[in-house]
Amino acid sequence: MSNRRRFGLGIGLAAAVLLTAVLGGSLLWTSCRRTPDLDGAIRSERPPRIDPDYASLVIPPNIAPLNFRILEDGRDFLVRLSSESGENCEIRCPDGSCRIPAGSWRRLLEGGKGGRLRYDVFAQKHDGTWARFEPLINTVAQEPIDSYLVYRLLLPNKARARIRGIYQRDLESFRTSALVTRRDDTFYCFNCHTFHQHDPDRFLVHLRIEHEGMMLVTDGKMRKIDTRQDPMFRPIAYASWHPNGRHIAGTCNRFIGHFPMNDRLYYFEALEKRGDLVVYDVERNAISTSEAVFGHEYVETHPCWSHDGESIYYCRAKDVPVIEPEDWDDFDFDLMRVAYDVVTDTWGAPEIVKAYSELGVSCSFPRPSACGKYVLHVLADKTTYPIHQKSSDLYLLDLDTKEHRRLDRVCSDLAESFPRWSSNGRWITFVSNRRDGMSAVPYLAYFDAAGNAHKAFVLPQKDPAYYDTFIETYNVVEPVKSRVSVSAFRLAQAMQQPAKGAEFPDPPQVDAYTGATRRWLHAPQDGKRSPEGY
């Protein structure tokens, strides 16, 4: 027999032995992992403890699997999922970590819209007996949530918050990709990404310090605008797109920071010491404002267009001197509204929608609902920087009755901020640092047709223990209808191009640092002139 033939027979024999071992091991593993007989399981009179808390929720029909850990004592666990349509799924979780197969999960949600999704959890005790807990019940909503979240990730520390990048996450899976990052330090700061009515192909991003400008992305076309034009003392920061996609309401803001020493977890506070409101016309590349919303008397911030595009909601506080940290308590912002006609470029007079300063609280992040009935916003003890304030909670204002109420099933004892509506008005997204008091992570909550917000739940992750080791923080979480199609490379290339200056054809008589100039009405008999209003 030739050496080649002996060599071939040797390989064949080795392969046969290996295949037998694999099959035998597989058969042995299958027999060892077969579904146990649970008919005799001892019933527990309470539901199981799980993390994250994915119980008693209303969930979207297009959300990724709500993977969780079972926080019960045991050496083996089994979870049975079942919908009212008859779909079911069984998952064995030896280590208590329940990772739901994506295909089974999709079938459960698709067949269970409008119905209940039941979780039966079993735990094997160390003596070999099984326990069956009271079932967990969730409801699958009829209405989907926008399929993507776009957010900024920060690495917080006591001196500053270092930006990692702007990312997008597919809510129907766990896929995540970057829009822009700081990996090579090409960009020092980018912030306040803002989308036109949840459209992933029409948005803006602000760049600061290096390559400064407002980056506009419209249907694949990109351009960078320098909005810092006299008498503006800063470029536009907070922004909101008009429903027509042509006009952008924005504020230019000056911040001061404070590092209190009395609470190590809440180590940073910020105050807007100056803020002015403008409207930028994308087609004309022109800025418009009014002396009523531009000057030193008041600080304007957090603009957002009404659902019909006829007015701008924003927050306003009277400017007062700041000498000691305690003076920050005097900065309570009211919820305001000002009419603006995009056709005639005409401003109305500012009006107070809700005088929250008279109640001793401060308003921030107003977001009118698509139906025009509500304004979702944040109330905190002071200022418009509630990210680290324990008092920061989500509230809903009824525009008909002017009554406001705390969304109790959404809020926690720690800080909530950056509230947003979904495009269909049935879901609320926001960030909260309730898990550890430091890192803010995204939460979702259902908002029904009767105006009720349901229990909030944290953004699901592939690894149920993901948030245990998460040391970053989510910031400016925006729901969008689909994936942002512009490539990260093209966006980064465009960001490095020079910015084109915006026009300010009819600026008010305003000094960028001292505020609006008072107009003189007449010369009295004594020869002394009097400013308007005095």
Protein backbone atom coordinates (compact mmCIF):
# COMPACT_ATOMS: atom_id res chain seq x y z
CA MET A 1 0.00 0.00 0.00
CA SER A 2 1.40 3.41 -0.93
CA ASN A 3 2.22 6.03 1.66
CA ARG A 4 -0.37 8.36 0.04
CA ARG A 5 -3.10 5.73 0.52
CA ARG A 6 -2.05 5.05 4.11
CA PHE A 7 -2.12 8.79 4.76
CA GLY A 8 -5.61 9.08 3.27
CA LEU A 9 -6.93 6.17 5.34
CA GLY A 10 -5.43 7.73 8.43
CA ILE A 11 -7.20 11.02 7.79
CA GLY A 12 -10.48 9.21 7.10
CA LEU A 13 -10.23 7.20 10.32
CA ALA A 14 -9.39 10.29 12.36
CA ALA A 15 -12.31 12.17 10.81
CA ALA A 16 -14.68 9.28 11.58
CA VAL A 17 -13.51 9.15 15.19
CA LEU A 18 -13.87 12.94 15.50
CA LEU A 19 -17.37 12.92 13.97
CA THR A 20 -18.44 10.11 16.31
CA ALA A 21 -17.13 12.03 19.29
CA VAL A 22 -18.89 15.23 18.22
CA LEU A 23 -22.20 13.48 17.52
CA GLY A 24 -21.95 11.52 20.72
CA GLY A 25 -21.18 14.64 22.67
CA SER A 26 -24.01 16.46 20.94
CA LEU A 27 -26.47 13.69 21.70
CA LEU A 28 -25.27 13.60 25.27
CA TRP A 29 -25.61 17.41 25.59
CA THR A 30 -29.10 17.32 24.10
CA SER A 31 -30.23 14.61 26.44
CA CYS A 32 -28.77 16.47 29.41
CA ARG A 33 -30.41 19.74 28.38
CA ARG A 34 -33.84 18.40 27.56
CA THR A 35 -36.82 20.29 28.92
CA PRO A 36 -37.45 19.18 32.49
CA ASP A 37 -40.80 17.95 33.74
CA LEU A 38 -42.30 21.04 35.35
CA ASP A 39 -45.77 19.72 36.10
CA GLY A 40 -44.84 19.27 39.71
CA ALA A 41 -43.17 22.67 40.11
CA ILE A 42 -43.97 24.33 43.43
CA ARG A 43 -45.88 27.56 42.89
CA SER A 44 -44.53 30.76 44.40
CA GLU A 45 -46.95 33.49 45.43
CA ARG A 46 -44.86 36.31 43.97
CA PRO A 47 -43.38 37.24 40.60
CA PRO A 48 -39.65 36.71 40.03
CA ARG A 49 -37.13 39.48 40.52
CA ILE A 50 -35.56 40.40 37.19
CA ASP A 51 -33.16 43.05 35.92
CA PRO A 52 -33.79 45.20 33.97
CA ASP A 53 -37.33 45.62 35.24
CA TYR A 54 -39.26 44.49 32.17
CA ALA A 55 -42.57 43.70 33.87
CA SER A 56 -46.01 45.37 33.62
CA LEU A 57 -45.01 47.33 30.52
CA VAL A 58 -46.58 48.42 27.28
CA ILE A 59 -43.93 47.63 24.66
CA PRO A 60 -43.62 48.47 20.95
CA PRO A 61 -44.38 45.72 18.43
CA ASN A 62 -41.01 46.41 16.78
CA ILE A 63 -38.62 46.50 19.76
CA ALA A 64 -35.53 44.32 20.11
CA PRO A 65 -35.71 41.37 22.55
CA LEU A 66 -36.07 42.51 26.15
CA ASN A 67 -33.25 40.34 27.50
CA PHE A 68 -33.03 40.16 31.29
CA ARG A 69 -31.40 38.42 34.24
CA ILE A 70 -33.29 36.38 36.82
CA LEU A 71 -32.28 37.55 40.30
CA GLU A 72 -33.40 34.45 42.15
CA ASP A 73 -31.45 31.73 43.91
CA GLY A 74 -31.19 28.57 41.84
CA ARG A 75 -28.93 26.30 39.80
CA ASP A 76 -31.01 26.35 36.62
CA PHE A 77 -33.78 28.48 35.12
CA LEU A 78 -36.34 28.23 32.35
CA VAL A 79 -38.55 30.92 30.83
CA ARG A 80 -41.70 30.33 28.77
CA LEU A 81 -43.00 33.20 26.66
CA SER A 82 -46.48 33.05 25.21
CA SER A 83 -48.83 35.44 23.43
CA GLU A 84 -52.61 35.37 23.20
CA SER A 85 -52.32 34.51 19.52
CA GLY A 86 -50.82 31.11 20.41
CA GLU A 87 -47.15 31.91 19.66
CA ASN A 88 -44.76 30.64 22.32
CA CYS A 89 -41.07 30.29 23.03
CA GLU A 90 -39.08 28.38 25.68
CA ILE A 91 -35.63 29.51 26.80
CA ARG A 92 -33.25 27.61 29.09
CA CYS A 93 -31.11 29.96 31.23
CA PRO A 94 -28.59 27.97 33.29
CA ASP A 95 -26.87 31.11 34.60
CA GLY A 96 -30.07 33.12 35.00
CA SER A 97 -29.32 35.23 31.92
CA CYS A 98 -32.30 35.15 29.57
CA ARG A 99 -31.40 35.97 25.96
CA ILE A 100 -34.46 35.67 23.76
CA PRO A 101 -33.89 34.43 20.18
CA ALA A 102 -34.62 37.26 17.75
CA GLY A 103 -36.78 35.19 15.38
CA SER A 104 -38.99 33.81 18.15
CA TRP A 105 -39.31 37.27 19.68
CA ARG A 106 -40.45 38.83 16.38
CA ARG A 107 -43.11 36.18 15.93
CA LEU A 108 -44.38 36.75 19.46
CA LEU A 109 -44.69 40.51 18.91
CA GLU A 110 -46.15 40.33 15.42
CA GLY A 111 -48.84 37.89 16.51
CA GLY A 112 -49.49 39.63 19.80
CA LYS A 113 -50.23 43.24 18.80
CA GLY A 114 -52.79 44.72 21.13
CA GLY A 115 -52.65 41.65 23.39
CA ARG A 116 -50.75 40.38 26.38
CA LEU A 117 -47.33 38.77 26.40
CA ARG A 118 -46.87 36.33 29.28
CA TYR A 119 -43.57 35.31 30.95
CA ASP A 120 -43.57 32.12 33.06
CA VAL A 121 -40.31 31.81 34.99
CA PHE A 122 -39.15 28.54 36.59
CA ALA A 123 -36.17 28.12 38.94
CA GLN A 124 -34.54 24.84 39.96
CA LYS A 125 -33.53 24.83 43.60
CA HIS A 126 -30.27 23.31 44.82
CA ASP A 127 -32.15 20.23 46.04
CA GLY A 128 -33.32 19.55 42.47
CA THR A 129 -36.92 20.70 42.89
CA TRP A 130 -38.45 23.35 40.63
CA ALA A 131 -40.34 26.50 41.62
CA ARG A 132 -42.81 28.36 39.41
CA PHE A 133 -43.23 32.09 39.99
CA GLU A 134 -46.27 34.22 39.36
CA PRO A 135 -46.25 35.21 35.65
CA LEU A 136 -44.97 38.54 34.39
CA ILE A 137 -47.33 40.25 31.97
CA ASN A 138 -46.56 42.86 29.32
CA THR A 139 -48.84 44.36 26.70
CA VAL A 140 -47.80 44.71 23.05
CA ALA A 141 -48.97 48.04 21.63
CA GLN A 142 -50.51 48.39 18.21
CA GLU A 143 -48.39 51.44 17.41
CA PRO A 144 -44.68 50.99 16.57
CA ILE A 145 -41.88 53.19 17.79
CA ASP A 146 -39.49 54.95 15.41
CA SER A 147 -36.95 52.31 14.52
CA TYR A 148 -33.74 54.22 15.36
CA LEU A 149 -32.27 56.32 18.16
CA VAL A 150 -29.50 58.81 17.46
CA TYR A 151 -27.54 59.88 20.53
CA ARG A 152 -24.29 61.31 21.79
CA LEU A 153 -22.01 59.34 24.12
CA LEU A 154 -19.89 61.12 26.73
CA LEU A 155 -17.18 59.97 29.10
CA PRO A 156 -17.94 62.02 32.21
CA ASN A 157 -15.45 63.01 34.87
CA LYS A 158 -15.16 65.75 37.47
CA ALA A 159 -13.39 68.24 35.23
CA ARG A 160 -15.19 67.87 31.91
CA ALA A 161 -17.29 65.54 29.81
CA ARG A 162 -15.21 64.05 27.01
CA ILE A 163 -17.23 63.28 23.89
CA ARG A 164 -16.90 59.83 22.35
CA GLY A 165 -19.16 60.35 19.37
CA ILE A 166 -22.64 60.49 17.90
CA TYR A 167 -24.12 57.05 17.25
CA GLN A 168 -27.29 55.46 15.93
CA ARG A 169 -28.94 52.37 17.37
CA ASP A 170 -31.44 50.13 15.59
CA LEU A 171 -34.28 49.63 18.09
CA GLU A 172 -35.48 46.52 16.27
CA SER A 173 -32.13 44.83 16.85
CA PHE A 174 -28.92 45.59 18.73
CA ARG A 175 -27.01 47.02 15.75
CA THR A 176 -25.13 50.24 16.48
CA SER A 177 -23.02 52.40 14.17
CA ALA A 178 -21.19 55.72 14.46
CA LEU A 179 -22.10 58.96 12.68
CA VAL A 180 -19.06 60.88 13.87
CA THR A 181 -16.42 60.17 16.51
CA ARG A 182 -13.37 61.72 18.15
CA ARG A 183 -11.07 58.75 17.68
CA ASP A 184 -8.30 60.79 16.03
CA ASP A 185 -9.22 64.10 17.73
CA THR A 186 -10.12 65.66 14.36
CA PHE A 187 -13.19 67.22 15.99
CA TYR A 188 -13.03 68.69 19.47
CA CYS A 189 -16.75 69.09 20.13
CA PHE A 190 -19.98 68.31 18.28
CA ASN A 191 -23.42 68.57 19.81
CA CYS A 192 -27.14 69.25 19.59
CA HIS A 193 -27.87 67.00 16.61
CA THR A 194 -31.44 67.86 15.58
CA PHE A 195 -33.70 66.17 13.02
CA HIS A 196 -36.54 67.53 10.93
CA GLN A 197 -39.66 65.66 12.04
CA HIS A 198 -37.72 62.44 12.74
CA ASP A 199 -36.36 62.37 9.17
CA PRO A 200 -32.93 60.65 9.10
CA ASP A 201 -32.02 62.42 5.86
CA ARG A 202 -32.57 65.98 7.13
CA PHE A 203 -30.67 67.05 10.24
CA LEU A 204 -28.05 69.40 11.66
CA VAL A 205 -25.03 69.04 13.94
CA HIS A 206 -23.12 71.87 15.62
CA LEU A 207 -19.32 71.87 15.63
CA ARG A 208 -17.36 73.81 18.22
CA ILE A 209 -13.78 75.14 18.51
CA GLU A 210 -12.17 73.10 15.71
CA HIS A 211 -13.97 73.35 12.33
CA GLU A 212 -16.68 75.47 13.97
CA GLY A 213 -20.04 75.79 12.26
CA MET A 214 -23.56 74.42 11.88
CA MET A 215 -23.52 71.33 9.67
CA LEU A 216 -26.70 70.98 7.59
CA VAL A 217 -27.53 67.63 5.98
CA THR A 218 -30.49 67.69 3.59
CA ASP A 219 -31.24 64.69 1.38
CA GLY A 220 -27.59 63.74 0.98
CA LYS A 221 -26.37 67.32 0.44
CA MET A 222 -24.14 68.85 3.07
CA ARG A 223 -23.04 72.38 3.84
CA LYS A 224 -21.60 74.17 6.83
CA ILE A 225 -22.89 77.55 8.00
CA ASP A 226 -21.29 80.13 10.29
CA THR A 227 -24.24 81.51 12.28
CA ARG A 228 -22.12 83.72 14.52
CA GLN A 229 -22.93 87.04 12.90
CA ASP A 230 -23.02 90.46 14.58
CA PRO A 231 -24.74 91.25 16.84
CA MET A 232 -24.86 87.55 17.85
CA PHE A 233 -22.28 86.84 20.55
CA ARG A 234 -22.28 83.08 19.92
CA PRO A 235 -23.34 80.74 17.11
CA ILE A 236 -26.67 78.93 17.32
CA ALA A 237 -26.77 76.16 19.93
CA TYR A 238 -30.18 74.67 20.75
CA ALA A 239 -32.25 74.33 17.59
CA SER A 240 -35.59 73.12 16.21
CA TRP A 241 -36.72 72.57 12.61
CA HIS A 242 -39.93 74.17 11.37
CA PRO A 243 -42.44 71.65 9.92
CA ASN A 244 -41.71 73.06 6.46
CA GLY A 245 -38.05 71.95 6.73
CA ARG A 246 -36.82 75.38 5.67
CA HIS A 247 -36.67 77.41 8.89
CA ILE A 248 -34.72 76.64 12.05
CA ALA A 249 -35.44 78.26 15.40
CA GLY A 250 -32.30 78.52 17.49
CA THR A 251 -30.77 80.20 20.50
CA CYS A 252 -27.24 81.40 21.07
CA ASN A 253 -26.25 80.75 24.68
CA ARG A 254 -23.49 81.56 27.11
CA PHE A 255 -22.92 79.04 29.91
CA ILE A 256 -21.08 79.27 33.19
CA GLY A 257 -20.16 76.19 35.21
CA HIS A 258 -20.08 75.40 38.91
CA PHE A 259 -18.53 72.47 40.78
CA PRO A 260 -20.26 72.08 44.16
CA MET A 261 -18.40 70.13 46.82
CA ASN A 262 -21.36 69.02 48.93
CA ASP A 263 -22.44 66.08 46.79
CA ARG A 264 -19.88 63.99 44.94
CA LEU A 265 -22.39 62.39 42.59
CA TYR A 266 -23.79 65.71 41.39
CA TYR A 267 -20.47 67.37 40.77
CA PHE A 268 -21.34 69.77 37.97
CA GLU A 269 -23.99 72.39 37.40
CA ALA A 270 -24.36 74.85 34.55
CA LEU A 271 -26.24 78.11 34.11
CA GLU A 272 -27.18 79.94 30.94
CA LYS A 273 -26.23 83.53 31.70
CA ARG A 274 -27.19 84.78 28.26
CA GLY A 275 -29.53 83.44 25.61
CA ASP A 276 -31.16 84.99 22.56
CA LEU A 277 -33.73 83.60 20.11
CA VAL A 278 -33.37 83.72 16.31
CA VAL A 279 -34.77 82.01 13.21
CA TYR A 280 -32.48 80.83 10.42
CA ASP A 281 -33.82 80.53 6.86
CA VAL A 282 -32.07 77.59 5.16
CA GLU A 283 -32.88 78.68 1.59
CA ARG A 284 -31.99 82.37 2.05
CA ASN A 285 -29.08 81.64 4.41
CA ALA A 286 -30.41 84.49 6.53
CA ILE A 287 -31.04 85.13 10.23
CA SER A 288 -34.03 86.93 11.70
CA THR A 289 -34.83 88.04 15.25
CA SER A 290 -36.75 90.58 17.30
CA GLU A 291 -35.68 92.87 20.13
CA ALA A 292 -38.40 91.22 22.22
CA VAL A 293 -36.40 87.94 22.22
CA PHE A 294 -32.88 89.30 21.78
CA GLY A 295 -31.15 91.21 24.56
CA HIS A 296 -29.84 91.17 28.12
CA GLU A 297 -33.06 91.61 30.07
CA TYR A 298 -34.07 87.97 29.63
CA VAL A 299 -32.32 84.67 28.97
CA GLU A 300 -34.07 82.69 26.20
CA THR A 301 -33.28 79.03 25.56
CA HIS A 302 -34.57 75.58 24.44
CA PRO A 303 -36.70 76.61 21.43
CA CYS A 304 -39.15 74.23 19.77
CA TRP A 305 -41.74 74.91 17.06
CA SER A 306 -45.41 74.30 17.68
CA HIS A 307 -47.05 71.44 15.77
CA ASP A 308 -48.55 73.89 13.22
CA GLY A 309 -45.36 75.94 12.82
CA GLU A 310 -47.09 79.19 13.78
CA SER A 311 -45.19 79.82 17.01
CA ILE A 312 -42.05 78.89 18.93
CA TYR A 313 -42.11 77.52 22.47
CA TYR A 314 -39.06 78.30 24.60
CA CYS A 315 -37.89 78.89 28.17
CA ARG A 316 -37.17 82.33 29.60
CA ALA A 317 -35.83 83.76 32.84
CA LYS A 318 -35.06 87.31 33.92
CA ASP A 319 -31.33 87.88 34.04
CA VAL A 320 -30.01 88.64 37.54
CA PRO A 321 -26.47 89.04 38.91
CA VAL A 322 -24.63 85.89 39.95
CA ILE A 323 -22.05 86.29 42.70
CA GLU A 324 -22.43 83.22 44.91
CA PRO A 325 -23.56 79.68 43.98
CA GLU A 326 -26.73 80.32 45.99
CA ASP A 327 -27.67 82.99 43.46
CA TRP A 328 -28.35 80.23 40.94
CA ASP A 329 -31.51 79.41 42.85
CA ASP A 330 -32.99 82.66 41.49
CA PHE A 331 -32.86 81.38 37.91
CA ASP A 332 -36.27 79.83 37.41
CA PHE A 333 -37.39 79.64 33.79
CA ASP A 334 -40.97 80.12 32.60
CA LEU A 335 -42.52 78.34 29.62
CA MET A 336 -42.96 80.93 26.85
CA ARG A 337 -44.36 81.18 23.34
CA VAL A 338 -43.83 83.71 20.57
CA ALA A 339 -45.61 83.84 17.22
CA TYR A 340 -43.53 83.90 14.05
CA ASP A 341 -44.81 84.05 10.46
CA VAL A 342 -42.36 82.27 8.16
CA VAL A 343 -43.96 83.79 5.06
CA THR A 344 -43.71 87.45 6.08
CA ASP A 345 -40.80 87.12 8.54
CA THR A 346 -42.94 88.76 11.22
CA TRP A 347 -42.47 88.31 14.95
CA GLY A 348 -45.23 88.56 17.53
CA ALA A 349 -45.05 89.50 21.19
CA PRO A 350 -43.78 86.89 23.69
CA GLU A 351 -46.44 85.43 25.96
CA ILE A 352 -46.14 83.41 29.15
CA VAL A 353 -47.68 79.96 28.69
CA LYS A 354 -46.97 78.87 32.27
CA ALA A 355 -45.27 81.05 34.91
CA TYR A 356 -43.30 78.27 36.59
CA SER A 357 -41.02 80.79 38.32
CA GLU A 358 -44.01 81.81 40.47
CA LEU A 359 -44.24 78.17 41.61
CA GLY A 360 -40.56 78.08 42.57
CA VAL A 361 -39.52 75.64 39.83
CA SER A 362 -37.75 75.95 36.50
CA CYS A 363 -38.81 74.71 33.05
CA SER A 364 -36.56 73.20 30.39
CA PHE A 365 -36.70 71.07 27.21
CA PRO A 366 -40.28 71.89 26.10
CA ARG A 367 -41.58 69.57 23.37
CA PRO A 368 -45.11 70.23 21.99
CA SER A 369 -47.02 67.12 20.96
CA ALA A 370 -47.93 66.46 17.32
CA CYS A 371 -51.63 66.70 18.21
CA GLY A 372 -51.16 70.22 19.55
CA LYS A 373 -52.73 69.44 22.93
CA TYR A 374 -49.73 68.96 25.21
CA VAL A 375 -46.25 70.22 25.95
CA LEU A 376 -43.85 67.64 27.35
CA HIS A 377 -41.12 69.28 29.44
CA VAL A 378 -38.82 69.01 32.45
CA LEU A 379 -39.28 70.78 35.78
CA ALA A 380 -36.44 71.08 38.28
CA ASP A 381 -35.55 73.24 41.27
CA LYS A 382 -33.49 75.70 39.22
CA THR A 383 -31.90 76.61 35.85
CA THR A 384 -32.22 74.74 32.55
CA TYR A 385 -29.40 72.28 33.15
CA PRO A 386 -31.28 69.50 34.99
CA ILE A 387 -29.05 66.57 33.99
CA HIS A 388 -27.61 66.12 37.51
CA GLN A 389 -30.49 67.55 39.55
CA LYS A 390 -32.36 64.97 41.60
CA SER A 391 -35.45 67.18 41.35
CA SER A 392 -35.52 66.90 37.54
CA ASP A 393 -38.74 65.18 36.41
CA LEU A 394 -40.89 64.92 33.28
CA TYR A 395 -44.15 66.86 33.25
CA LEU A 396 -47.03 67.24 30.84
CA LEU A 397 -48.83 70.55 30.33
CA ASP A 398 -52.37 70.54 28.93
CA LEU A 399 -52.56 73.61 26.69
CA ASP A 400 -56.35 73.81 27.00
CA THR A 401 -56.55 73.81 30.80
CA LYS A 402 -52.98 75.05 31.54
CA GLU A 403 -52.77 72.29 34.14
CA HIS A 404 -49.47 70.46 34.47
CA ARG A 405 -48.83 67.05 36.02
CA ARG A 406 -45.84 64.90 36.83
CA LEU A 407 -45.60 61.69 34.81
CA ASP A 408 -45.35 59.48 37.87
CA ARG A 409 -45.03 56.17 36.02
CA VAL A 410 -42.15 57.60 34.00
CA CYS A 411 -40.18 59.45 36.67
CA SER A 412 -37.83 58.28 39.42
CA ASP A 413 -36.13 59.76 42.49
CA LEU A 414 -33.16 60.82 40.35
CA ALA A 415 -32.72 62.96 37.25
CA GLU A 416 -34.71 62.70 34.02
CA SER A 417 -33.92 64.88 31.01
CA PHE A 418 -33.97 65.24 27.18
CA PRO A 419 -37.60 64.17 26.65
CA ARG A 420 -38.70 63.54 23.06
CA TRP A 421 -41.88 62.40 21.28
CA SER A 422 -41.92 59.66 18.68
CA SER A 423 -43.19 60.63 15.23
CA ASN A 424 -46.63 59.09 15.90
CA GLY A 425 -46.91 60.67 19.36
CA ARG A 426 -47.37 57.32 21.09
CA TRP A 427 -43.91 56.94 22.60
CA ILE A 428 -41.73 59.10 24.81
CA THR A 429 -37.96 58.76 24.93
CA PHE A 430 -35.75 60.35 27.57
CA VAL A 431 -32.57 59.73 29.56
CA SER A 432 -32.31 59.02 33.27
CA ASN A 433 -29.47 58.31 35.68
CA ARG A 434 -31.73 56.34 38.01
CA ARG A 435 -29.65 53.15 37.83
CA ASP A 436 -26.49 54.49 39.47
CA GLY A 437 -26.96 58.24 39.95
CA MET A 438 -24.20 59.01 37.45
CA SER A 439 -24.58 57.56 33.95
CA ALA A 440 -27.70 58.63 32.05
CA VAL A 441 -29.18 55.92 29.83
CA PRO A 442 -32.20 55.90 27.46
CA TYR A 443 -35.70 54.99 28.60
CA LEU A 444 -38.89 54.46 26.61
CA ALA A 445 -42.51 54.86 27.70
CA TYR A 446 -45.87 54.40 26.00
CA PHE A 447 -48.25 57.38 25.82
CA ASP A 448 -51.83 56.37 25.11
CA ALA A 449 -54.64 58.21 23.33
CA ALA A 450 -56.20 59.23 26.65
CA GLY A 451 -53.08 61.18 27.63
CA ASN A 452 -51.64 58.63 30.07
CA ALA A 453 -47.95 57.77 30.21
CA HIS A 454 -47.20 54.16 31.11
CA LYS A 455 -44.29 52.61 32.99
CA ALA A 456 -40.90 53.47 31.51
CA PHE A 457 -38.28 50.83 30.67
CA VAL A 458 -34.61 51.01 29.83
CA LEU A 459 -33.33 50.54 26.27
CA PRO A 460 -32.80 46.75 25.84
CA GLN A 461 -29.30 45.43 25.22
CA LYS A 462 -28.01 42.10 23.90
CA ASP A 463 -26.21 41.46 27.19
CA PRO A 464 -28.69 41.77 30.07
CA ALA A 465 -25.80 42.85 32.34
CA TYR A 466 -24.72 45.63 29.94
CA TYR A 467 -25.58 48.52 32.26
CA ASP A 468 -23.72 47.03 35.23
CA THR A 469 -20.39 48.00 33.69
CA PHE A 470 -21.54 51.00 31.65
CA ILE A 471 -19.48 54.05 32.68
CA GLU A 472 -20.44 56.49 29.90
CA THR A 473 -23.55 58.61 29.57
CA TYR A 474 -26.14 59.08 26.83
CA ASN A 475 -26.96 62.63 25.79
CA VAL A 476 -29.48 64.20 23.36
CA VAL A 477 -31.35 61.01 22.45
CA GLU A 478 -33.39 61.59 19.26
CA PRO A 479 -35.83 59.02 17.78
CA VAL A 480 -35.75 58.85 13.97
CA LYS A 481 -37.85 56.87 11.51
CA SER A 482 -35.01 54.86 9.96
CA ARG A 483 -31.26 54.64 9.63
CA VAL A 484 -29.25 57.77 8.78
CA SER A 485 -28.09 57.01 5.27
CA VAL A 486 -25.22 59.50 4.92
CA SER A 487 -21.91 57.75 5.51
CA ALA A 488 -19.75 58.65 8.48
CA PHE A 489 -16.80 59.23 6.13
CA ARG A 490 -18.69 61.72 3.93
CA LEU A 491 -20.03 63.53 6.96
CA ALA A 492 -16.57 63.81 8.52
CA GLN A 493 -15.13 65.10 5.25
CA ALA A 494 -17.82 67.75 4.94
CA MET A 495 -17.36 68.83 8.55
CA GLN A 496 -13.77 69.81 7.83
CA GLN A 497 -14.72 72.20 5.04
CA PRO A 498 -14.87 75.96 5.71
CA ALA A 499 -18.18 77.41 6.87
CA LYS A 500 -20.18 79.88 4.80
CA GLY A 501 -21.27 82.98 6.67
CA ALA A 502 -24.99 83.49 7.21
CA GLU A 503 -26.55 86.86 6.46
CA PHE A 504 -28.21 89.05 9.08
CA PRO A 505 -30.04 91.56 6.86
CA ASP A 506 -32.00 93.42 9.54
CA PRO A 507 -30.32 92.98 12.91
CA PRO A 508 -31.76 94.72 15.99
CA GLN A 509 -29.90 97.56 17.65
CA VAL A 510 -28.10 95.22 19.97
CA ASP A 511 -24.63 95.19 21.44
CA ALA A 512 -23.44 91.61 21.51
CA TYR A 513 -22.20 91.95 25.07
CA THR A 514 -24.39 94.63 26.68
CA GLY A 515 -27.74 93.70 25.16
CA ALA A 516 -30.45 95.59 23.32
CA THR A 517 -30.11 99.35 22.93
CA ARG A 518 -33.10 101.22 24.31
CA ARG A 519 -34.81 103.49 21.78
CA TRP A 520 -35.23 107.19 22.69
CA LEU A 521 -38.78 108.50 22.32
CA HIS A 522 -38.52 112.22 22.84
CA ALA A 523 -36.52 115.02 24.40
CA PRO A 524 -38.27 116.37 27.49
CA GLN A 525 -38.36 120.09 28.32
CA ASP A 526 -35.40 119.80 30.68
CA GLY A 527 -33.25 118.59 27.79
CA LYS A 528 -32.76 115.13 29.28
CA ARG A 529 -33.71 112.20 27.09
CA SER A 530 -35.70 109.24 28.40
CA PRO A 531 -35.39 105.67 27.17
CA GLU A 532 -38.47 103.83 25.92
CA GLY A 533 -40.54 102.43 28.75
CA TYR A 534 -39.02 104.63 31.44
